[in-house]
Every structure is written in structure tokens, then in C-alpha cells.
């Protein structure tokens, strides 16, 4: 659907989308990158979980292999 001005599409009817932006820096950024490699996930996904307080801490240090 295009607006009357023909410039930009109108948003669809229904709930508005959710956008999230999180910036993690310093040591925690490195920790999340390392954890992402070990967990097979993206650092961005882990950063959002961390910011929401939902990231489960690993049971062992990141540099110790089982």
C-alpha cells in the first residue's frame, strides 16, 4: 500500500513492530563475543538477552574446555 503522496508505504494495520537496540562495550562485549562463539549464537542476540537480564551465566569460565 502506498500513501497518497506516493512517497512511502503506509504501515500495515495491526500492532506496531518492536525494534531493539543495545550497545555493549568494554569487557562485557568481549565476554558476549566469546560466549556467542561457544554457544553458536550471535553476539547481538546475547547482548539483548544480557540487557534484559535473561542471559544465563555459564557454569565454568569461558576459557576452560570440558
C-alpha atoms as a PDB file:
ATOM      1  CA  UNK A   1       0.000   0.000   0.000  1.00  0.00           C
ATOM      2  CA  UNK A   2       1.338   3.458  -0.885  1.00  0.00           C
ATOM      3  CA  UNK A   3       0.447   6.743   0.804  1.00  0.00           C
ATOM      4  CA  UNK A   4      -1.469   9.413  -1.091  1.00  0.00           C
ATOM      5  CA  UNK A   5       1.741  11.362  -1.683  1.00  0.00           C
ATOM      6  CA  UNK A   6       3.233   8.273  -3.346  1.00  0.00           C
ATOM      7  CA  UNK A   7       6.434   8.623  -1.330  1.00  0.00           C
ATOM      8  CA  UNK A   8       6.474   5.850   1.226  1.00  0.00           C
ATOM      9  CA  UNK A   9       4.397   2.806   2.016  1.00  0.00           C
ATOM     10  CA  UNK A  10       1.955   3.126   4.887  1.00  0.00           C
ATOM     11  CA  UNK A  11       2.496   0.838   7.852  1.00  0.00           C
ATOM     12  CA  UNK A  12       0.303  -2.262   7.888  1.00  0.00           C
ATOM     13  CA  UNK A  13      -2.757  -2.337  10.106  1.00  0.00           C
ATOM     14  CA  UNK A  14      -2.162  -4.044  13.414  1.00  0.00           C
ATOM     15  CA  UNK A  15       0.403  -3.873  16.174  1.00  0.00           C
ATOM     16  CA  UNK A  16       3.453  -1.739  15.573  1.00  0.00           C
ATOM     17  CA  UNK A  17       6.764  -3.575  15.198  1.00  0.00           C
ATOM     18  CA  UNK A  18       9.195  -3.800  18.080  1.00  0.00           C
ATOM     19  CA  UNK A  19      12.728  -2.577  17.499  1.00  0.00           C
ATOM     20  CA  UNK A  20      15.541  -3.124  19.978  1.00  0.00           C
ATOM     21  CA  UNK A  21      18.958  -1.552  20.077  1.00  0.00           C
ATOM     22  CA  UNK A  22      21.565  -2.437  22.671  1.00  0.00           C
ATOM     23  CA  UNK A  23      25.158  -1.266  22.908  1.00  0.00           C
ATOM     24  CA  UNK A  24      27.574  -3.301  24.998  1.00  0.00           C
ATOM     25  CA  UNK A  25      31.166  -2.161  25.295  1.00  0.00           C
ATOM     26  CA  UNK A  26      34.332  -2.971  27.146  1.00  0.00           C
ATOM     27  CA  UNK A  27      34.944  -6.264  28.883  1.00  0.00           C
ATOM     28  CA  UNK A  28      31.321  -7.379  28.688  1.00  0.00           C
ATOM     29  CA  UNK A  29      31.360  -7.009  24.891  1.00  0.00           C
ATOM     30  CA  UNK A  30      34.334  -9.376  24.759  1.00  0.00           C
ATOM     31  CA  UNK A  31      32.646 -11.822  27.107  1.00  0.00           C
ATOM     32  CA  UNK A  32      29.494 -11.848  24.977  1.00  0.00           C
ATOM     33  CA  UNK A  33      31.517 -12.398  21.782  1.00  0.00           C
ATOM     34  CA  UNK A  34      33.372 -15.324  23.367  1.00  0.00           C
ATOM     35  CA  UNK A  35      30.159 -16.806  24.703  1.00  0.00           C
ATOM     36  CA  UNK A  36      28.481 -16.432  21.298  1.00  0.00           C
ATOM     37  CA  UNK A  37      31.241 -18.487  19.669  1.00  0.00           C
ATOM     38  CA  UNK A  38      30.901 -21.227  22.281  1.00  0.00           C
ATOM     39  CA  UNK A  39      27.108 -21.198  22.217  1.00  0.00           C
ATOM     40  CA  UNK A  40      26.713 -20.959  18.419  1.00  0.00           C
ATOM     41  CA  UNK A  41      24.627 -17.783  18.631  1.00  0.00           C
ATOM     42  CA  UNK A  42      25.166 -14.197  17.555  1.00  0.00           C
ATOM     43  CA  UNK A  43      26.707 -11.629  19.896  1.00  0.00           C
ATOM     44  CA  UNK A  44      23.733  -9.368  19.137  1.00  0.00           C
ATOM     45  CA  UNK A  45      21.226 -11.941  20.395  1.00  0.00           C
ATOM     46  CA  UNK A  46      23.220 -12.444  23.581  1.00  0.00           C
ATOM     47  CA  UNK A  47      23.544  -8.680  24.099  1.00  0.00           C
ATOM     48  CA  UNK A  48      19.763  -8.273  24.006  1.00  0.00           C
ATOM     49  CA  UNK A  49      19.319 -11.142  26.479  1.00  0.00           C
ATOM     50  CA  UNK A  50      22.002  -9.653  28.732  1.00  0.00           C
ATOM     51  CA  UNK A  51      20.374  -6.212  28.661  1.00  0.00           C
ATOM     52  CA  UNK A  52      17.024  -7.805  29.559  1.00  0.00           C
ATOM     53  CA  UNK A  53      18.588  -9.660  32.491  1.00  0.00           C
ATOM     54  CA  UNK A  54      17.748 -13.029  30.940  1.00  0.00           C
ATOM     55  CA  UNK A  55      21.208 -14.287  29.994  1.00  0.00           C
ATOM     56  CA  UNK A  56      22.177 -17.379  31.966  1.00  0.00           C
ATOM     57  CA  UNK A  57      25.772 -17.280  33.141  1.00  0.00           C
ATOM     58  CA  UNK A  58      27.938 -20.238  32.111  1.00  0.00           C
ATOM     59  CA  UNK A  59      28.777 -22.762  34.828  1.00  0.00           C
ATOM     60  CA  UNK A  60      32.510 -22.629  34.080  1.00  0.00           C
ATOM     61  CA  UNK A  61      34.935 -19.939  32.911  1.00  0.00           C
ATOM     62  CA  UNK A  62      34.848 -19.306  29.159  1.00  0.00           C
ATOM     63  CA  UNK A  63      38.483 -20.306  28.652  1.00  0.00           C
ATOM     64  CA  UNK A  64      38.081 -23.753  30.283  1.00  0.00           C
ATOM     65  CA  UNK A  65      37.087 -26.573  27.944  1.00  0.00           C
ATOM     66  CA  UNK A  66      35.107 -29.570  29.296  1.00  0.00           C
END
